[in-house]
């Protein structure tokens, strides 16, 4: 295999962009494990009091992630995220104005490998979320497991992340003053196993929990499609029925996280590595579907709204695909 090295005369701006993405990939893949290791290590040193005091704080602060979290504007507005946004680049596209006096539930598609578009658009201000949607506060849902990692949980909350469970979502969506947006990557970790360039298959046919959550809280559903999300990484072939796919699905059921074997480019060369390709991402926020509140909706009511949501998502995709270099004969499919 011939390695294609990066030229030496790359502008500083592009090097900073790559460094920003590198730290994000590290944070996504390794930071939680590092935080746990530091917490345990300190217990066996003269600095044990740091972990001890944090453990006490953690006990008192246990419910904060499920009660809206604790965001810090200095983290969300950090210059680091602007460099990361410019690396791809990533653009947030608004199609309609949203009422800041109401709450909304965004369905984000596709999940991709590392959910880059959702993170930059909704967990940072790099693409100008607050200017595009004034008066609204985004809360991206993430696997509950990561909120059990000391120190890492605080880092997640600083960007506006909350656990991906019904209680956390309902806490925000039932606030009468409105102004909250809960974002769910509906396909979840399982959908990441099918994320590869040119893939437009969504794990959505039987994903209806977010629809029930919207009905129970009377919250408008908003389809969001992120064009380019699946173009960032290649993935080792893992067709259904293969031993690799079987192993990945077993691990996903046991741990709640999937382990796609992805690859793209490196830091100083373009042939292999886990740094994503420089591919543009356009995250398009569609029109809200109004929902009538009902405490205990029937399965038929859930199915009806779910069908309407699929139709709205397909319409959003079809209306925008040619703008973002998707072939005209390409359509969404659901599994």
Protein backbone atom coordinates (compact mmCIF):
# COMPACT_ATOMS: atom_id res chain seq x y z
CA UNK A 1 0.00 0.00 0.00
CA UNK A 2 1.41 3.36 -1.04
CA UNK A 3 1.16 6.03 1.66
CA UNK A 4 0.14 9.52 0.53
CA UNK A 5 1.83 12.00 2.85
CA UNK A 6 0.50 15.49 3.52
CA UNK A 7 2.59 18.31 2.00
CA UNK A 8 4.83 20.23 4.36
CA UNK A 9 3.58 23.68 3.35
CA UNK A 10 0.05 23.27 4.68
CA UNK A 11 -1.27 26.61 6.08
CA UNK A 12 -1.39 26.97 9.87
CA UNK A 13 -5.17 27.40 9.72
CA UNK A 14 -5.62 23.91 8.26
CA UNK A 15 -3.21 22.40 10.79
CA UNK A 16 -5.25 23.94 13.61
CA UNK A 17 -8.42 22.52 12.07
CA UNK A 18 -6.89 19.04 12.02
CA UNK A 19 -5.73 19.42 15.64
CA UNK A 20 -9.25 20.44 16.70
CA UNK A 21 -10.76 17.37 15.04
CA UNK A 22 -8.04 15.15 16.52
CA UNK A 23 -8.88 16.21 20.08
CA UNK A 24 -12.58 15.63 19.38
CA UNK A 25 -11.96 12.10 18.07
CA UNK A 26 -9.77 11.41 21.12
CA UNK A 27 -12.49 12.75 23.43
CA UNK A 28 -15.13 10.60 21.76
CA UNK A 29 -13.08 7.40 21.81
CA UNK A 30 -10.76 7.66 24.83
CA UNK A 31 -11.49 10.55 27.19
CA UNK A 32 -14.05 8.70 29.33
CA UNK A 33 -11.63 5.82 29.92
CA UNK A 34 -8.85 8.28 30.76
CA UNK A 35 -11.06 10.11 33.25
CA UNK A 36 -11.96 6.85 35.01
CA UNK A 37 -8.29 5.86 35.13
CA UNK A 38 -7.28 9.23 36.63
CA UNK A 39 -10.06 9.04 39.22
CA UNK A 40 -8.90 5.59 40.37
CA UNK A 41 -5.19 6.44 40.17
CA UNK A 42 -5.57 9.48 42.40
CA UNK A 43 -7.11 7.33 45.13
CA UNK A 44 -3.74 5.61 45.56
CA UNK A 45 -1.65 8.77 45.70
CA UNK A 46 -1.27 11.67 48.13
CA UNK A 47 -3.88 13.46 46.01
CA UNK A 48 -6.56 10.94 47.00
CA UNK A 49 -8.57 13.77 48.50
CA UNK A 50 -9.31 15.09 44.98
CA UNK A 51 -11.15 11.90 44.03
CA UNK A 52 -12.72 11.67 47.49
CA UNK A 53 -14.13 15.20 47.31
CA UNK A 54 -15.30 14.62 43.75
CA UNK A 55 -17.09 11.44 44.87
CA UNK A 56 -18.98 13.44 47.51
CA UNK A 57 -19.83 16.12 44.95
CA UNK A 58 -20.88 13.42 42.49
CA UNK A 59 -23.33 11.95 45.01
CA UNK A 60 -25.01 15.32 45.55
CA UNK A 61 -24.95 16.09 41.82
CA UNK A 62 -26.16 12.67 40.65
CA UNK A 63 -29.48 13.81 39.17
CA UNK A 64 -28.20 16.92 37.38
CA UNK A 65 -27.68 15.23 33.95
CA UNK A 66 -31.32 14.08 33.88
CA UNK A 67 -32.56 17.52 34.98
CA UNK A 68 -31.32 19.56 32.05
CA UNK A 69 -27.61 19.25 32.77
CA UNK A 70 -25.22 22.12 33.43
CA UNK A 71 -23.96 23.91 30.33
CA UNK A 72 -21.18 26.50 30.18
CA UNK A 73 -21.26 29.12 27.45
CA UNK A 74 -17.46 29.43 27.54
CA UNK A 75 -17.18 25.77 26.50
CA UNK A 76 -19.85 26.00 23.80
CA UNK A 77 -18.28 29.18 22.40
CA UNK A 78 -14.69 27.93 22.51
CA UNK A 79 -12.63 28.85 19.42
CA UNK A 80 -11.64 25.19 19.17
CA UNK A 81 -15.08 24.32 17.79
CA UNK A 82 -14.83 26.96 15.06
CA UNK A 83 -11.68 25.27 13.78
CA UNK A 84 -13.47 21.92 13.89
CA UNK A 85 -16.44 23.34 11.98
CA UNK A 86 -14.16 24.75 9.29
CA UNK A 87 -12.32 21.45 8.88
CA UNK A 88 -15.21 19.75 7.07
CA UNK A 89 -16.89 22.39 6.88
CA UNK A 90 -20.24 22.03 8.72
CA UNK A 91 -23.27 24.23 8.00
CA UNK A 92 -26.56 24.44 9.90
CA UNK A 93 -29.51 25.16 7.58
CA UNK A 94 -32.82 26.54 8.86
CA UNK A 95 -35.93 26.08 6.72
CA UNK A 96 -38.51 27.71 9.05
CA UNK A 97 -38.58 29.86 12.16
CA UNK A 98 -39.33 28.07 15.44
CA UNK A 99 -41.35 29.63 18.24
CA UNK A 100 -39.14 30.13 21.33
CA UNK A 101 -42.22 29.82 23.55
CA UNK A 102 -42.60 26.16 22.58
CA UNK A 103 -40.57 23.00 23.12
CA UNK A 104 -39.41 20.79 20.25
CA UNK A 105 -38.14 17.28 19.72
CA UNK A 106 -35.58 17.01 16.89
CA UNK A 107 -35.05 13.65 15.21
CA UNK A 108 -31.48 13.67 13.86
CA UNK A 109 -30.57 11.45 10.86
CA UNK A 110 -28.34 9.68 10.05
CA UNK A 111 -26.31 8.80 13.14
CA UNK A 112 -23.10 8.33 11.17
CA UNK A 113 -20.00 6.98 12.90
CA UNK A 114 -19.31 9.75 15.44
CA UNK A 115 -22.35 12.07 15.03
CA UNK A 116 -20.09 14.95 14.00
CA UNK A 117 -22.84 17.15 12.56
CA UNK A 118 -25.07 16.86 15.61
CA UNK A 119 -22.22 17.61 17.99
CA UNK A 120 -20.94 20.73 16.23
CA UNK A 121 -24.39 22.14 15.45
CA UNK A 122 -26.13 21.47 18.77
CA UNK A 123 -23.37 21.10 21.41
CA UNK A 124 -21.36 24.15 20.31
CA UNK A 125 -22.06 27.59 18.88
CA UNK A 126 -19.63 27.12 15.98
CA UNK A 127 -22.42 27.16 13.36
CA UNK A 128 -24.41 29.91 15.09
CA UNK A 129 -27.30 27.93 16.58
CA UNK A 130 -28.38 30.71 18.96
CA UNK A 131 -28.46 33.25 16.14
CA UNK A 132 -30.46 30.98 13.83
CA UNK A 133 -32.88 29.88 16.56
CA UNK A 134 -32.97 32.71 19.15
CA UNK A 135 -34.57 31.91 22.48
CA UNK A 136 -34.17 28.15 22.06
CA UNK A 137 -31.76 25.94 24.01
CA UNK A 138 -30.59 22.64 22.43
CA UNK A 139 -30.03 19.50 24.50
CA UNK A 140 -28.40 16.61 22.63
CA UNK A 141 -29.07 13.14 24.00
CA UNK A 142 -26.17 10.73 24.56
CA UNK A 143 -25.93 7.16 25.86
CA UNK A 144 -26.50 7.04 29.64
CA UNK A 145 -23.33 5.00 30.13
CA UNK A 146 -21.06 7.99 29.50
CA UNK A 147 -22.64 9.99 32.33
CA UNK A 148 -21.32 7.41 34.79
CA UNK A 149 -17.71 8.35 34.06
CA UNK A 150 -16.26 10.78 36.65
CA UNK A 151 -15.12 14.16 35.31
CA UNK A 152 -16.23 13.15 31.80
CA UNK A 153 -19.88 13.62 32.77
CA UNK A 154 -19.16 17.26 33.60
CA UNK A 155 -17.45 17.78 30.25
CA UNK A 156 -20.50 16.36 28.46
CA UNK A 157 -22.95 18.52 30.39
CA UNK A 158 -20.91 21.66 29.68
CA UNK A 159 -21.88 21.35 26.01
CA UNK A 160 -25.57 20.70 26.72
CA UNK A 161 -25.61 16.90 26.51
CA UNK A 162 -28.14 14.89 28.54
CA UNK A 163 -28.76 11.13 29.03
CA UNK A 164 -30.81 9.39 26.35
CA UNK A 165 -33.70 8.21 28.50
CA UNK A 166 -37.37 9.08 28.74
CA UNK A 167 -37.06 10.83 32.10
CA UNK A 168 -34.35 13.24 30.91
CA UNK A 169 -36.28 14.13 27.77
CA UNK A 170 -39.60 14.57 29.57
CA UNK A 171 -38.06 16.83 32.22
CA UNK A 172 -37.26 19.41 29.53
CA UNK A 173 -40.21 18.89 27.21
CA UNK A 174 -42.82 19.37 29.93
CA UNK A 175 -41.53 22.82 30.91
CA UNK A 176 -44.44 25.16 30.22
CA UNK A 177 -42.32 28.21 29.48
CA UNK A 178 -40.93 26.44 26.40
CA UNK A 179 -37.61 27.26 24.75
CA UNK A 180 -36.14 23.76 24.96
CA UNK A 181 -35.08 21.46 22.14
CA UNK A 182 -34.27 17.80 22.76
CA UNK A 183 -32.22 16.23 19.95
CA UNK A 184 -32.25 12.45 19.45
CA UNK A 185 -30.06 10.59 16.97
CA UNK A 186 -32.89 8.13 16.42
CA UNK A 187 -30.89 5.36 14.74
CA UNK A 188 -28.50 5.27 17.67
CA UNK A 189 -25.34 3.23 17.98
CA UNK A 190 -26.83 0.35 16.01
CA UNK A 191 -27.28 2.52 12.92
CA UNK A 192 -23.56 3.36 13.03
CA UNK A 193 -22.86 -0.20 11.86
CA UNK A 194 -24.33 0.73 8.46
CA UNK A 195 -22.68 4.15 8.20
CA UNK A 196 -20.44 4.39 5.16
CA UNK A 197 -20.15 6.70 2.12
CA UNK A 198 -23.21 6.61 -0.11
CA UNK A 199 -25.43 4.93 2.52
CA UNK A 200 -28.95 6.31 2.90
CA UNK A 201 -30.54 3.50 4.90
CA UNK A 202 -31.93 4.58 8.27
CA UNK A 203 -32.74 2.40 11.26
CA UNK A 204 -36.15 3.92 11.83
CA UNK A 205 -38.95 1.55 10.82
CA UNK A 206 -39.46 0.23 14.37
CA UNK A 207 -37.97 3.14 16.33
CA UNK A 208 -41.08 4.72 17.85
CA UNK A 209 -40.10 5.64 21.40
CA UNK A 210 -39.31 9.23 20.41
CA UNK A 211 -42.75 9.53 18.80
CA UNK A 212 -44.45 8.34 21.99
CA UNK A 213 -42.35 10.82 23.98
CA UNK A 214 -43.54 13.64 21.72
CA UNK A 215 -47.21 12.68 22.11
CA UNK A 216 -47.01 12.29 25.88
CA UNK A 217 -45.58 15.79 26.18
CA UNK A 218 -47.50 17.41 23.31
CA UNK A 219 -44.19 18.40 21.70
CA UNK A 220 -43.78 19.21 18.02
CA UNK A 221 -41.58 16.74 16.11
CA UNK A 222 -38.95 18.19 13.79
CA UNK A 223 -37.12 16.01 11.22
CA UNK A 224 -33.43 16.87 10.75
CA UNK A 225 -31.27 15.39 8.00
CA UNK A 226 -27.51 15.81 7.99
CA UNK A 227 -26.24 15.54 4.41
CA UNK A 228 -22.67 14.26 4.34
CA UNK A 229 -22.74 12.63 7.78
CA UNK A 230 -22.04 9.17 6.35
CA UNK A 231 -19.25 10.40 4.08
CA UNK A 232 -16.69 11.04 6.82
CA UNK A 233 -15.41 7.48 7.32
CA UNK A 234 -15.04 4.19 5.51
CA UNK A 235 -16.00 1.05 7.39
CA UNK A 236 -14.86 -2.55 7.18
CA UNK A 237 -17.50 -4.56 5.32
CA UNK A 238 -19.88 -6.12 7.85
CA UNK A 239 -22.94 -7.46 5.96
CA UNK A 240 -25.78 -8.92 8.01
CA UNK A 241 -25.09 -12.57 8.72
CA UNK A 242 -21.30 -12.16 8.76
CA UNK A 243 -19.33 -13.12 11.87
CA UNK A 244 -18.17 -9.52 12.27
CA UNK A 245 -21.70 -8.13 12.21
CA UNK A 246 -22.86 -10.85 14.63
CA UNK A 247 -20.05 -9.95 17.04
CA UNK A 248 -20.76 -6.21 16.77
CA UNK A 249 -24.48 -6.69 17.40
CA UNK A 250 -23.80 -8.91 20.43
CA UNK A 251 -21.46 -6.31 21.90
CA UNK A 252 -24.02 -3.60 21.19
CA UNK A 253 -26.71 -5.51 23.09
CA UNK A 254 -24.39 -6.17 26.04
CA UNK A 255 -22.69 -2.76 26.37
CA UNK A 256 -25.18 -0.45 24.64
CA UNK A 257 -22.45 0.88 22.33
CA UNK A 258 -21.54 -0.37 18.87
CA UNK A 259 -17.98 -0.87 17.69
CA UNK A 260 -17.85 -0.10 13.96
CA UNK A 261 -14.43 -0.78 12.48
CA UNK A 262 -14.01 2.57 10.77
CA UNK A 263 -11.06 4.24 9.14
CA UNK A 264 -10.30 7.34 7.09
CA UNK A 265 -7.09 9.40 7.05
CA UNK A 266 -4.23 10.15 9.43
CA UNK A 267 -2.67 13.31 10.83
CA UNK A 268 0.33 13.60 8.52
CA UNK A 269 -0.84 11.30 5.73
CA UNK A 270 -4.09 10.69 3.84
CA UNK A 271 -4.00 6.88 3.48
CA UNK A 272 -5.12 5.46 6.82
CA UNK A 273 -6.12 6.55 10.32
CA UNK A 274 -9.18 7.59 12.35
CA UNK A 275 -9.28 11.28 11.41
CA UNK A 276 -12.42 11.91 9.31
CA UNK A 277 -12.23 12.96 5.68
CA UNK A 278 -12.69 16.63 4.84
CA UNK A 279 -16.22 16.28 3.52
CA UNK A 280 -18.86 19.02 3.85
CA UNK A 281 -21.83 18.44 6.16
CA UNK A 282 -25.11 20.30 5.73
CA UNK A 283 -27.54 19.75 8.61
CA UNK A 284 -31.01 20.76 7.46
CA UNK A 285 -33.69 21.43 10.09
CA UNK A 286 -37.15 20.76 8.69
CA UNK A 287 -40.65 21.95 9.49
CA UNK A 288 -42.26 20.91 12.81
CA UNK A 289 -45.09 18.40 12.90
CA UNK A 290 -47.67 19.59 15.40
CA UNK A 291 -48.59 16.97 18.00
CA UNK A 292 -51.67 16.67 20.19
CA UNK A 293 -50.82 15.85 23.78
CA UNK A 294 -52.13 12.58 25.21
CA UNK A 295 -50.91 11.00 28.41
CA UNK A 296 -51.23 7.38 27.32
CA UNK A 297 -51.41 7.22 23.50
CA UNK A 298 -52.58 4.04 21.80
CA UNK A 299 -50.29 2.09 19.49
CA UNK A 300 -52.40 3.19 16.53
CA UNK A 301 -51.88 6.85 17.44
CA UNK A 302 -48.14 6.31 17.75
CA UNK A 303 -48.03 4.44 14.42
CA UNK A 304 -49.98 7.20 12.67
CA UNK A 305 -47.64 9.96 13.85
CA UNK A 306 -44.61 7.79 13.10
CA UNK A 307 -45.83 7.36 9.53
CA UNK A 308 -46.33 11.11 9.18
CA UNK A 309 -42.82 11.67 10.50
CA UNK A 310 -41.31 9.27 7.95
CA UNK A 311 -43.15 11.07 5.16
CA UNK A 312 -41.93 14.47 6.41
CA UNK A 313 -38.35 13.19 6.63
CA UNK A 314 -38.50 11.79 3.10
CA UNK A 315 -39.92 15.08 1.83
CA UNK A 316 -37.11 17.01 3.54
CA UNK A 317 -34.53 14.72 1.95
CA UNK A 318 -36.05 14.90 -1.54
CA UNK A 319 -36.39 18.69 -1.47
CA UNK A 320 -32.75 19.22 -0.51
CA UNK A 321 -30.73 16.33 -1.92
CA UNK A 322 -29.78 17.97 -5.22
CA UNK A 323 -28.49 21.06 -3.37
CA UNK A 324 -26.03 18.88 -1.48
CA UNK A 325 -24.72 16.67 -4.27
CA UNK A 326 -26.87 13.60 -3.67
CA UNK A 327 -27.72 11.79 -6.96
CA UNK A 328 -31.26 12.39 -8.17
CA UNK A 329 -32.07 8.66 -8.23
CA UNK A 330 -31.10 8.24 -4.54
CA UNK A 331 -33.90 7.81 -2.00
CA UNK A 332 -34.12 7.08 1.70
CA UNK A 333 -34.86 3.52 2.81
CA UNK A 334 -35.83 2.35 6.28
CA UNK A 335 -35.05 -0.82 8.19
